[in-house]
């Protein structure tokens, strides 16, 4: 397995430090501007890491006939639509499930050899720690996604868990840092960023510069590496399809306020895409990566430090 370059960790940690310093001095964009900037950055820099799923599926299952691709597309779209239906029919279940799935998905960012407990703590910091300093804002944002009735109990649980989780994250950072200094720095960096910076800022910095960028680098490196051209070509059609779906969703959400429409588009969209993405990765891993699939696209790989 090829290592993820150290520069990716350094870029993320530097951006996290800038976001934390800005938050400490109270430097923020207007609320609606912050929301629109976050949506743009997540769309441009975050979503492409899931758009290469067809390339991963091709390498794992060696599809060669249109019918096979049609079945794959139907299953992928069906899982995504089921998430949207859950949001419409059971917002509390959707919100709770989305946060838990996100926690597990983000835990895979860390390198090979990190214990599961440290991984879970790391993933949880992204989800829980924004409620430490920004409880009311977190509740408002979650309410825009799933309604106040869903947001209030979920935010209360997040707030009650925040301080113990912060202590656990810093302990994990120290323990892991003794063996892998960069991994310890990443755990601490994500925890401090999530606790200090405003929720949308912390999530955008994390999602774009840690989670998504790391996934793309793993896909582009390692055994049987995927070239940049192959990644771009593979991502083009899924990104176009996602963009078209987003335009349709935007029209359907037209009756909502701008803030609510943007939040629902970002986070319901992310939830809908994350579930089939995770299923694809997990099924491929359990299948033993047939056909020489690069393990770096499916499991965490060793990073510098």
C-alpha atoms as a PDB file:
ATOM      1  CA  UNK A   1       0.000   0.000   0.000  1.00  0.00           C
ATOM      2  CA  UNK A   2       1.254   3.464  -0.852  1.00  0.00           C
ATOM      3  CA  UNK A   3       1.148   5.955   2.023  1.00  0.00           C
ATOM      4  CA  UNK A   4      -1.068   8.997   1.983  1.00  0.00           C
ATOM      5  CA  UNK A   5       1.406  11.870   1.745  1.00  0.00           C
ATOM      6  CA  UNK A   6       2.184  13.807   4.892  1.00  0.00           C
ATOM      7  CA  UNK A   7       1.345  17.076   3.157  1.00  0.00           C
ATOM      8  CA  UNK A   8      -2.364  16.198   3.210  1.00  0.00           C
ATOM      9  CA  UNK A   9      -2.346  16.004   7.005  1.00  0.00           C
ATOM     10  CA  UNK A  10      -0.344  19.228   7.211  1.00  0.00           C
ATOM     11  CA  UNK A  11      -2.758  21.069   4.902  1.00  0.00           C
ATOM     12  CA  UNK A  12      -5.725  19.967   6.995  1.00  0.00           C
ATOM     13  CA  UNK A  13      -4.058  20.840  10.314  1.00  0.00           C
ATOM     14  CA  UNK A  14      -3.056  24.297   9.053  1.00  0.00           C
ATOM     15  CA  UNK A  15      -6.586  25.010   7.800  1.00  0.00           C
ATOM     16  CA  UNK A  16      -8.026  23.762  11.103  1.00  0.00           C
ATOM     17  CA  UNK A  17      -5.682  26.065  13.033  1.00  0.00           C
ATOM     18  CA  UNK A  18      -6.722  29.066  10.922  1.00  0.00           C
ATOM     19  CA  UNK A  19     -10.418  28.255  11.454  1.00  0.00           C
ATOM     20  CA  UNK A  20      -9.916  27.922  15.227  1.00  0.00           C
ATOM     21  CA  UNK A  21      -7.983  31.198  15.510  1.00  0.00           C
ATOM     22  CA  UNK A  22     -10.643  33.001  13.474  1.00  0.00           C
ATOM     23  CA  UNK A  23     -13.338  31.581  15.760  1.00  0.00           C
ATOM     24  CA  UNK A  24     -11.464  32.669  18.890  1.00  0.00           C
ATOM     25  CA  UNK A  25     -11.354  36.251  17.583  1.00  0.00           C
ATOM     26  CA  UNK A  26     -14.991  36.146  16.519  1.00  0.00           C
ATOM     27  CA  UNK A  27     -14.259  36.472  12.796  1.00  0.00           C
ATOM     28  CA  UNK A  28     -17.235  35.052  10.889  1.00  0.00           C
ATOM     29  CA  UNK A  29     -19.138  35.581   7.687  1.00  0.00           C
ATOM     30  CA  UNK A  30     -22.801  36.489   7.763  1.00  0.00           C
ATOM     31  CA  UNK A  31     -24.873  33.396   8.569  1.00  0.00           C
ATOM     32  CA  UNK A  32     -26.427  33.014   5.124  1.00  0.00           C
ATOM     33  CA  UNK A  33     -23.123  33.727   3.372  1.00  0.00           C
ATOM     34  CA  UNK A  34     -21.412  31.112   5.542  1.00  0.00           C
ATOM     35  CA  UNK A  35     -24.075  28.597   4.594  1.00  0.00           C
ATOM     36  CA  UNK A  36     -23.767  29.262   0.858  1.00  0.00           C
ATOM     37  CA  UNK A  37     -19.947  29.147   0.948  1.00  0.00           C
ATOM     38  CA  UNK A  38     -20.078  25.839   2.853  1.00  0.00           C
ATOM     39  CA  UNK A  39     -22.524  24.408   0.309  1.00  0.00           C
ATOM     40  CA  UNK A  40     -20.300  25.428  -2.582  1.00  0.00           C
ATOM     41  CA  UNK A  41     -17.120  24.039  -1.062  1.00  0.00           C
ATOM     42  CA  UNK A  42     -18.716  20.762  -0.023  1.00  0.00           C
ATOM     43  CA  UNK A  43     -20.177  20.358  -3.499  1.00  0.00           C
ATOM     44  CA  UNK A  44     -16.943  21.151  -5.336  1.00  0.00           C
ATOM     45  CA  UNK A  45     -14.330  19.598  -3.063  1.00  0.00           C
ATOM     46  CA  UNK A  46     -16.301  17.092  -1.021  1.00  0.00           C
ATOM     47  CA  UNK A  47     -18.736  15.184  -3.210  1.00  0.00           C
ATOM     48  CA  UNK A  48     -16.249  14.035  -5.916  1.00  0.00           C
ATOM     49  CA  UNK A  49     -14.773  11.466  -3.517  1.00  0.00           C
ATOM     50  CA  UNK A  50     -18.026   9.525  -3.700  1.00  0.00           C
ATOM     51  CA  UNK A  51     -18.438  10.125  -7.413  1.00  0.00           C
ATOM     52  CA  UNK A  52     -15.626   7.678  -8.188  1.00  0.00           C
ATOM     53  CA  UNK A  53     -17.696   4.791  -6.819  1.00  0.00           C
ATOM     54  CA  UNK A  54     -18.430   3.483 -10.345  1.00  0.00           C
ATOM     55  CA  UNK A  55     -14.690   3.174 -10.964  1.00  0.00           C
ATOM     56  CA  UNK A  56     -14.307   1.256  -7.709  1.00  0.00           C
ATOM     57  CA  UNK A  57     -17.268  -0.970  -8.602  1.00  0.00           C
ATOM     58  CA  UNK A  58     -15.758  -1.687 -12.005  1.00  0.00           C
ATOM     59  CA  UNK A  59     -12.449  -2.723 -10.468  1.00  0.00           C
ATOM     60  CA  UNK A  60     -14.119  -4.878  -7.812  1.00  0.00           C
ATOM     61  CA  UNK A  61     -16.808  -6.610  -9.868  1.00  0.00           C
ATOM     62  CA  UNK A  62     -15.428  -6.204 -13.407  1.00  0.00           C
ATOM     63  CA  UNK A  63     -18.758  -5.182 -14.931  1.00  0.00           C
ATOM     64  CA  UNK A  64     -18.706  -5.597 -18.706  1.00  0.00           C
ATOM     65  CA  UNK A  65     -22.339  -5.589 -19.812  1.00  0.00           C
ATOM     66  CA  UNK A  66     -24.854  -2.707 -19.779  1.00  0.00           C
ATOM     67  CA  UNK A  67     -27.294  -4.828 -17.807  1.00  0.00           C
ATOM     68  CA  UNK A  68     -24.796  -5.240 -14.964  1.00  0.00           C
ATOM     69  CA  UNK A  69     -24.254  -1.501 -14.817  1.00  0.00           C
ATOM     70  CA  UNK A  70     -28.011  -0.919 -14.890  1.00  0.00           C
ATOM     71  CA  UNK A  71     -28.502  -3.209 -11.894  1.00  0.00           C
ATOM     72  CA  UNK A  72     -25.663  -1.490 -10.026  1.00  0.00           C
ATOM     73  CA  UNK A  73     -27.106   1.968 -10.783  1.00  0.00           C
ATOM     74  CA  UNK A  74     -30.604   0.882  -9.737  1.00  0.00           C
ATOM     75  CA  UNK A  75     -29.362  -0.549  -6.422  1.00  0.00           C
ATOM     76  CA  UNK A  76     -27.244   2.528  -5.727  1.00  0.00           C
ATOM     77  CA  UNK A  77     -30.093   4.918  -6.540  1.00  0.00           C
ATOM     78  CA  UNK A  78     -32.574   2.775  -4.593  1.00  0.00           C
ATOM     79  CA  UNK A  79     -30.493   2.985  -1.420  1.00  0.00           C
ATOM     80  CA  UNK A  80     -30.137   6.742  -1.853  1.00  0.00           C
ATOM     81  CA  UNK A  81     -33.870   7.209  -2.369  1.00  0.00           C
ATOM     82  CA  UNK A  82     -34.647   5.066   0.684  1.00  0.00           C
ATOM     83  CA  UNK A  83     -32.640   7.513   2.794  1.00  0.00           C
ATOM     84  CA  UNK A  84     -34.633  10.436   1.392  1.00  0.00           C
ATOM     85  CA  UNK A  85     -37.888   8.608   2.163  1.00  0.00           C
ATOM     86  CA  UNK A  86     -36.711   7.991   5.715  1.00  0.00           C
ATOM     87  CA  UNK A  87     -36.044  11.731   6.078  1.00  0.00           C
ATOM     88  CA  UNK A  88     -39.560  12.497   4.876  1.00  0.00           C
ATOM     89  CA  UNK A  89     -41.337   9.861   6.981  1.00  0.00           C
ATOM     90  CA  UNK A  90     -39.284   9.624  10.194  1.00  0.00           C
ATOM     91  CA  UNK A  91     -37.068  12.691  10.727  1.00  0.00           C
ATOM     92  CA  UNK A  92     -35.866  11.672  14.205  1.00  0.00           C
ATOM     93  CA  UNK A  93     -34.812   8.231  12.981  1.00  0.00           C
ATOM     94  CA  UNK A  94     -33.203   9.812   9.920  1.00  0.00           C
ATOM     95  CA  UNK A  95     -31.229  12.362  11.931  1.00  0.00           C
ATOM     96  CA  UNK A  96     -30.041   9.836  14.508  1.00  0.00           C
ATOM     97  CA  UNK A  97     -29.143   7.310  11.834  1.00  0.00           C
ATOM     98  CA  UNK A  98     -27.329   9.900   9.718  1.00  0.00           C
ATOM     99  CA  UNK A  99     -25.156  10.999  12.629  1.00  0.00           C
ATOM    100  CA  UNK A 100     -24.301   7.393  13.542  1.00  0.00           C
ATOM    101  CA  UNK A 101     -23.502   6.461   9.943  1.00  0.00           C
ATOM    102  CA  UNK A 102     -21.357   9.590   9.583  1.00  0.00           C
ATOM    103  CA  UNK A 103     -19.472   8.694  12.769  1.00  0.00           C
ATOM    104  CA  UNK A 104     -18.666   5.216  11.448  1.00  0.00           C
ATOM    105  CA  UNK A 105     -17.796   6.457   7.978  1.00  0.00           C
ATOM    106  CA  UNK A 106     -15.423   9.152   9.233  1.00  0.00           C
ATOM    107  CA  UNK A 107     -13.701   6.659  11.542  1.00  0.00           C
ATOM    108  CA  UNK A 108     -12.162   5.056   8.438  1.00  0.00           C
ATOM    109  CA  UNK A 109     -10.042   8.158   7.781  1.00  0.00           C
ATOM    110  CA  UNK A 110      -7.324   7.049  10.202  1.00  0.00           C
ATOM    111  CA  UNK A 111      -4.436   4.842   9.138  1.00  0.00           C
ATOM    112  CA  UNK A 112      -4.124   1.084   9.411  1.00  0.00           C
ATOM    113  CA  UNK A 113      -3.423  -0.195  12.926  1.00  0.00           C
ATOM    114  CA  UNK A 114      -5.356   2.414  14.899  1.00  0.00           C
ATOM    115  CA  UNK A 115      -7.631   0.607  17.427  1.00  0.00           C
ATOM    116  CA  UNK A 116     -11.365   0.684  16.866  1.00  0.00           C
ATOM    117  CA  UNK A 117     -11.988   2.714  20.030  1.00  0.00           C
ATOM    118  CA  UNK A 118      -9.747   5.546  18.852  1.00  0.00           C
ATOM    119  CA  UNK A 119     -11.455   5.411  15.461  1.00  0.00           C
ATOM    120  CA  UNK A 120     -14.923   5.687  16.981  1.00  0.00           C
ATOM    121  CA  UNK A 121     -13.849   8.569  19.215  1.00  0.00           C
ATOM    122  CA  UNK A 122     -12.290  10.328  16.214  1.00  0.00           C
ATOM    123  CA  UNK A 123     -15.439   9.934  14.105  1.00  0.00           C
ATOM    124  CA  UNK A 124     -17.667  11.011  16.982  1.00  0.00           C
ATOM    125  CA  UNK A 125     -15.811  14.291  17.498  1.00  0.00           C
ATOM    126  CA  UNK A 126     -17.019  15.531  14.100  1.00  0.00           C
ATOM    127  CA  UNK A 127     -20.620  14.767  15.030  1.00  0.00           C
ATOM    128  CA  UNK A 128     -20.750  15.623  18.743  1.00  0.00           C
ATOM    129  CA  UNK A 129     -18.268  18.384  19.588  1.00  0.00           C
ATOM    130  CA  UNK A 130     -19.924  21.235  17.640  1.00  0.00           C
ATOM    131  CA  UNK A 131     -22.576  21.155  20.394  1.00  0.00           C
ATOM    132  CA  UNK A 132     -19.944  22.031  23.021  1.00  0.00           C
ATOM    133  CA  UNK A 133     -19.688  25.758  22.272  1.00  0.00           C
ATOM    134  CA  UNK A 134     -22.420  26.104  19.691  1.00  0.00           C
ATOM    135  CA  UNK A 135     -25.358  24.187  21.153  1.00  0.00           C
ATOM    136  CA  UNK A 136     -28.115  26.591  20.055  1.00  0.00           C
ATOM    137  CA  UNK A 137     -26.574  27.007  16.599  1.00  0.00           C
ATOM    138  CA  UNK A 138     -26.195  23.244  16.211  1.00  0.00           C
ATOM    139  CA  UNK A 139     -29.819  22.790  17.221  1.00  0.00           C
ATOM    140  CA  UNK A 140     -30.927  25.428  14.707  1.00  0.00           C
ATOM    141  CA  UNK A 141     -28.955  23.832  11.865  1.00  0.00           C
ATOM    142  CA  UNK A 142     -30.190  20.329  12.660  1.00  0.00           C
ATOM    143  CA  UNK A 143     -33.700  21.747  12.908  1.00  0.00           C
ATOM    144  CA  UNK A 144     -33.390  23.148   9.396  1.00  0.00           C
ATOM    145  CA  UNK A 145     -32.523  19.639   8.185  1.00  0.00           C
ATOM    146  CA  UNK A 146     -35.014  17.502  10.101  1.00  0.00           C
ATOM    147  CA  UNK A 147     -37.331  19.829  12.003  1.00  0.00           C
ATOM    148  CA  UNK A 148     -37.228  21.143  15.562  1.00  0.00           C
ATOM    149  CA  UNK A 149     -38.939  18.068  17.007  1.00  0.00           C
ATOM    150  CA  UNK A 150     -36.032  15.934  15.816  1.00  0.00           C
ATOM    151  CA  UNK A 151     -33.280  18.458  16.539  1.00  0.00           C
ATOM    152  CA  UNK A 152     -34.063  19.241  20.192  1.00  0.00           C
ATOM    153  CA  UNK A 153     -33.595  15.728  21.708  1.00  0.00           C
ATOM    154  CA  UNK A 154     -30.646  14.932  19.427  1.00  0.00           C
ATOM    155  CA  UNK A 155     -28.843  18.171  20.297  1.00  0.00           C
ATOM    156  CA  UNK A 156     -29.491  17.605  24.004  1.00  0.00           C
ATOM    157  CA  UNK A 157     -27.822  14.193  23.756  1.00  0.00           C
ATOM    158  CA  UNK A 158     -24.901  15.662  21.819  1.00  0.00           C
ATOM    159  CA  UNK A 159     -24.407  18.428  24.389  1.00  0.00           C
ATOM    160  CA  UNK A 160     -24.418  15.980  27.285  1.00  0.00           C
ATOM    161  CA  UNK A 161     -21.815  13.817  25.532  1.00  0.00           C
ATOM    162  CA  UNK A 162     -19.534  16.644  24.398  1.00  0.00           C
ATOM    163  CA  UNK A 163     -17.222  17.186  27.390  1.00  0.00           C
ATOM    164  CA  UNK A 164     -16.555  13.476  28.072  1.00  0.00           C
ATOM    165  CA  UNK A 165     -15.917  12.948  24.366  1.00  0.00           C
ATOM    166  CA  UNK A 166     -13.461  15.875  24.185  1.00  0.00           C
ATOM    167  CA  UNK A 167     -11.482  14.408  27.100  1.00  0.00           C
ATOM    168  CA  UNK A 168     -11.552  10.964  25.454  1.00  0.00           C
ATOM    169  CA  UNK A 169     -10.401  12.411  22.129  1.00  0.00           C
ATOM    170  CA  UNK A 170      -7.442  14.212  23.669  1.00  0.00           C
ATOM    171  CA  UNK A 171      -6.463  11.053  25.569  1.00  0.00           C
ATOM    172  CA  UNK A 172      -6.646   9.044  22.351  1.00  0.00           C
ATOM    173  CA  UNK A 173      -4.543  11.695  20.613  1.00  0.00           C
ATOM    174  CA  UNK A 174      -1.834  11.361  23.273  1.00  0.00           C
ATOM    175  CA  UNK A 175      -1.898   7.550  23.223  1.00  0.00           C
ATOM    176  CA  UNK A 176      -1.874   7.258  19.434  1.00  0.00           C
ATOM    177  CA  UNK A 177       0.639  10.084  19.120  1.00  0.00           C
ATOM    178  CA  UNK A 178       3.263   8.067  20.974  1.00  0.00           C
ATOM    179  CA  UNK A 179       3.252   5.499  18.164  1.00  0.00           C
ATOM    180  CA  UNK A 180       2.161   7.651  15.236  1.00  0.00           C
ATOM    181  CA  UNK A 181       2.721  11.374  15.857  1.00  0.00           C
ATOM    182  CA  UNK A 182       0.782  12.477  12.780  1.00  0.00           C
ATOM    183  CA  UNK A 183      -2.217  10.313  13.690  1.00  0.00           C
ATOM    184  CA  UNK A 184      -2.232  11.809  17.179  1.00  0.00           C
ATOM    185  CA  UNK A 185      -2.108  15.274  15.652  1.00  0.00           C
ATOM    186  CA  UNK A 186      -5.010  14.437  13.341  1.00  0.00           C
ATOM    187  CA  UNK A 187      -7.207  13.200  16.192  1.00  0.00           C
ATOM    188  CA  UNK A 188      -6.414  16.284  18.273  1.00  0.00           C
ATOM    189  CA  UNK A 189      -6.825  18.588  15.277  1.00  0.00           C
ATOM    190  CA  UNK A 190     -10.270  17.265  14.369  1.00  0.00           C
ATOM    191  CA  UNK A 191     -11.382  17.420  18.016  1.00  0.00           C
ATOM    192  CA  UNK A 192     -10.194  20.991  18.580  1.00  0.00           C
ATOM    193  CA  UNK A 193     -11.568  22.154  15.223  1.00  0.00           C
ATOM    194  CA  UNK A 194     -14.982  20.607  15.928  1.00  0.00           C
ATOM    195  CA  UNK A 195     -15.107  22.096  19.423  1.00  0.00           C
ATOM    196  CA  UNK A 196     -13.833  25.598  18.598  1.00  0.00           C
ATOM    197  CA  UNK A 197     -14.992  26.574  15.106  1.00  0.00           C
ATOM    198  CA  UNK A 198     -18.635  27.184  14.166  1.00  0.00           C
ATOM    199  CA  UNK A 199     -20.421  24.004  13.063  1.00  0.00           C
ATOM    200  CA  UNK A 200     -20.576  24.737   9.334  1.00  0.00           C
ATOM    201  CA  UNK A 201     -16.981  25.973   9.257  1.00  0.00           C
ATOM    202  CA  UNK A 202     -15.591  22.997  11.165  1.00  0.00           C
ATOM    203  CA  UNK A 203     -17.531  20.469   9.078  1.00  0.00           C
ATOM    204  CA  UNK A 204     -16.531  22.078   5.776  1.00  0.00           C
ATOM    205  CA  UNK A 205     -12.823  22.174   6.663  1.00  0.00           C
ATOM    206  CA  UNK A 206     -12.919  18.588   7.911  1.00  0.00           C
ATOM    207  CA  UNK A 207     -15.007  17.149   5.090  1.00  0.00           C
ATOM    208  CA  UNK A 208     -13.133  18.810   2.243  1.00  0.00           C
ATOM    209  CA  UNK A 209      -9.517  18.750   3.461  1.00  0.00           C
ATOM    210  CA  UNK A 210      -9.451  15.595   5.584  1.00  0.00           C
ATOM    211  CA  UNK A 211     -12.180  13.123   4.683  1.00  0.00           C
ATOM    212  CA  UNK A 212     -12.732  13.749   0.981  1.00  0.00           C
ATOM    213  CA  UNK A 213      -9.153  14.637   0.055  1.00  0.00           C
ATOM    214  CA  UNK A 214      -7.806  11.576   1.875  1.00  0.00           C
ATOM    215  CA  UNK A 215     -10.267   9.291   0.119  1.00  0.00           C
ATOM    216  CA  UNK A 216      -9.306  10.691  -3.285  1.00  0.00           C
ATOM    217  CA  UNK A 217      -5.595  10.325  -2.539  1.00  0.00           C
ATOM    218  CA  UNK A 218      -6.094   6.703  -1.497  1.00  0.00           C
ATOM    219  CA  UNK A 219      -7.919   6.029  -4.742  1.00  0.00           C
ATOM    220  CA  UNK A 220      -5.154   7.695  -6.760  1.00  0.00           C
ATOM    221  CA  UNK A 221      -2.267   5.868  -5.076  1.00  0.00           C
ATOM    222  CA  UNK A 222      -1.203   2.341  -4.209  1.00  0.00           C
ATOM    223  CA  UNK A 223      -1.259  -0.918  -6.095  1.00  0.00           C
ATOM    224  CA  UNK A 224      -2.806  -0.473  -9.519  1.00  0.00           C
ATOM    225  CA  UNK A 225      -3.104   3.241  -8.855  1.00  0.00           C
ATOM    226  CA  UNK A 226      -5.894   5.192 -10.501  1.00  0.00           C
ATOM    227  CA  UNK A 227      -4.559   8.061 -12.608  1.00  0.00           C
ATOM    228  CA  UNK A 228      -5.878  11.591 -12.206  1.00  0.00           C
ATOM    229  CA  UNK A 229      -7.390  11.344 -15.694  1.00  0.00           C
ATOM    230  CA  UNK A 230      -9.173   8.116 -14.762  1.00  0.00           C
ATOM    231  CA  UNK A 231     -10.505   9.662 -11.568  1.00  0.00           C
ATOM    232  CA  UNK A 232     -11.811  12.730 -13.395  1.00  0.00           C
ATOM    233  CA  UNK A 233     -13.390  10.633 -16.141  1.00  0.00           C
ATOM    234  CA  UNK A 234     -14.985   8.283 -13.624  1.00  0.00           C
ATOM    235  CA  UNK A 235     -16.353  11.122 -11.517  1.00  0.00           C
ATOM    236  CA  UNK A 236     -17.736  13.213 -14.374  1.00  0.00           C
ATOM    237  CA  UNK A 237     -21.019  11.383 -15.032  1.00  0.00           C
ATOM    238  CA  UNK A 238     -21.908  10.722 -11.377  1.00  0.00           C
ATOM    239  CA  UNK A 239     -21.179  14.372 -10.570  1.00  0.00           C
ATOM    240  CA  UNK A 240     -23.361  15.464 -13.476  1.00  0.00           C
ATOM    241  CA  UNK A 241     -26.152  13.192 -12.263  1.00  0.00           C
ATOM    242  CA  UNK A 242     -25.792  14.478  -8.718  1.00  0.00           C
ATOM    243  CA  UNK A 243     -25.914  18.046 -10.006  1.00  0.00           C
ATOM    244  CA  UNK A 244     -29.090  17.346 -11.965  1.00  0.00           C
ATOM    245  CA  UNK A 245     -30.694  15.719  -8.920  1.00  0.00           C
ATOM    246  CA  UNK A 246     -29.663  18.709  -6.811  1.00  0.00           C
ATOM    247  CA  UNK A 247     -31.360  21.086  -9.265  1.00  0.00           C
ATOM    248  CA  UNK A 248     -34.566  19.051  -9.123  1.00  0.00           C
ATOM    249  CA  UNK A 249     -34.395  18.947  -5.319  1.00  0.00           C
ATOM    250  CA  UNK A 250     -33.796  22.693  -5.197  1.00  0.00           C
ATOM    251  CA  UNK A 251     -36.976  23.300  -7.181  1.00  0.00           C
ATOM    252  CA  UNK A 252     -38.940  20.937  -4.932  1.00  0.00           C
ATOM    253  CA  UNK A 253     -37.591  22.714  -1.839  1.00  0.00           C
ATOM    254  CA  UNK A 254     -38.584  26.099  -3.224  1.00  0.00           C
ATOM    255  CA  UNK A 255     -41.277  26.587  -0.583  1.00  0.00           C
ATOM    256  CA  UNK A 256     -38.661  26.394   2.192  1.00  0.00           C
ATOM    257  CA  UNK A 257     -36.590  29.316   3.436  1.00  0.00           C
ATOM    258  CA  UNK A 258     -33.196  29.670   1.743  1.00  0.00           C
ATOM    259  CA  UNK A 259     -31.366  28.472   4.868  1.00  0.00           C
ATOM    260  CA  UNK A 260     -33.574  25.396   5.239  1.00  0.00           C
ATOM    261  CA  UNK A 261     -33.396  24.533   1.540  1.00  0.00           C
ATOM    262  CA  UNK A 262     -29.585  24.756   1.457  1.00  0.00           C
ATOM    263  CA  UNK A 263     -29.152  22.753   4.677  1.00  0.00           C
ATOM    264  CA  UNK A 264     -31.521  20.033   3.475  1.00  0.00           C
ATOM    265  CA  UNK A 265     -29.842  19.915   0.091  1.00  0.00           C
ATOM    266  CA  UNK A 266     -26.390  19.525   1.687  1.00  0.00           C
ATOM    267  CA  UNK A 267     -27.063  17.097   4.499  1.00  0.00           C
ATOM    268  CA  UNK A 268     -29.966  15.024   3.199  1.00  0.00           C
ATOM    269  CA  UNK A 269     -27.997  14.775  -0.042  1.00  0.00           C
ATOM    270  CA  UNK A 270     -24.860  13.718   1.827  1.00  0.00           C
ATOM    271  CA  UNK A 271     -26.815  11.126   3.796  1.00  0.00           C
ATOM    272  CA  UNK A 272     -28.410   9.749   0.638  1.00  0.00           C
ATOM    273  CA  UNK A 273     -25.019   9.385  -1.071  1.00  0.00           C
ATOM    274  CA  UNK A 274     -23.112   8.150   1.987  1.00  0.00           C
ATOM    275  CA  UNK A 275     -25.223   5.040   2.599  1.00  0.00           C
ATOM    276  CA  UNK A 276     -24.721   3.368  -0.823  1.00  0.00           C
ATOM    277  CA  UNK A 277     -21.079   4.547  -0.818  1.00  0.00           C
ATOM    278  CA  UNK A 278     -20.477   2.798   2.523  1.00  0.00           C
ATOM    279  CA  UNK A 279     -22.312  -0.332   1.410  1.00  0.00           C
ATOM    280  CA  UNK A 280     -20.189  -0.553  -1.745  1.00  0.00           C
ATOM    281  CA  UNK A 281     -16.959  -0.216   0.199  1.00  0.00           C
ATOM    282  CA  UNK A 282     -18.007  -2.733   2.862  1.00  0.00           C
ATOM    283  CA  UNK A 283     -19.280  -5.342   0.384  1.00  0.00           C
ATOM    284  CA  UNK A 284     -16.092  -4.996  -1.651  1.00  0.00           C
ATOM    285  CA  UNK A 285     -13.967  -5.442   1.466  1.00  0.00           C
ATOM    286  CA  UNK A 286     -15.894  -8.539   2.562  1.00  0.00           C
ATOM    287  CA  UNK A 287     -15.541  -9.966  -0.944  1.00  0.00           C
ATOM    288  CA  UNK A 288     -11.772  -9.942  -0.492  1.00  0.00           C
ATOM    289  CA  UNK A 289     -11.100  -7.258  -3.124  1.00  0.00           C
ATOM    290  CA  UNK A 290     -11.253  -9.625  -6.127  1.00  0.00           C
ATOM    291  CA  UNK A 291      -9.377  -8.985  -9.301  1.00  0.00           C
ATOM    292  CA  UNK A 292      -6.447  -7.119  -7.802  1.00  0.00           C
ATOM    293  CA  UNK A 293      -8.418  -4.201  -6.435  1.00  0.00           C
ATOM    294  CA  UNK A 294      -6.078  -1.761  -4.702  1.00  0.00           C
ATOM    295  CA  UNK A 295      -6.676  -2.122  -0.973  1.00  0.00           C
ATOM    296  CA  UNK A 296      -5.886   1.567  -0.576  1.00  0.00           C
ATOM    297  CA  UNK A 297      -9.312   2.366  -2.033  1.00  0.00           C
ATOM    298  CA  UNK A 298     -11.080   0.248   0.543  1.00  0.00           C
ATOM    299  CA  UNK A 299      -9.175   0.359   3.804  1.00  0.00           C
ATOM    300  CA  UNK A 300      -7.156   3.013   5.641  1.00  0.00           C
ATOM    301  CA  UNK A 301      -3.497   3.047   4.590  1.00  0.00           C
ATOM    302  CA  UNK A 302      -0.397   4.040   6.451  1.00  0.00           C
ATOM    303  CA  UNK A 303       0.262   7.754   6.436  1.00  0.00           C
ATOM    304  CA  UNK A 304       3.403   9.623   7.239  1.00  0.00           C
ATOM    305  CA  UNK A 305       4.073   9.518  11.001  1.00  0.00           C
END
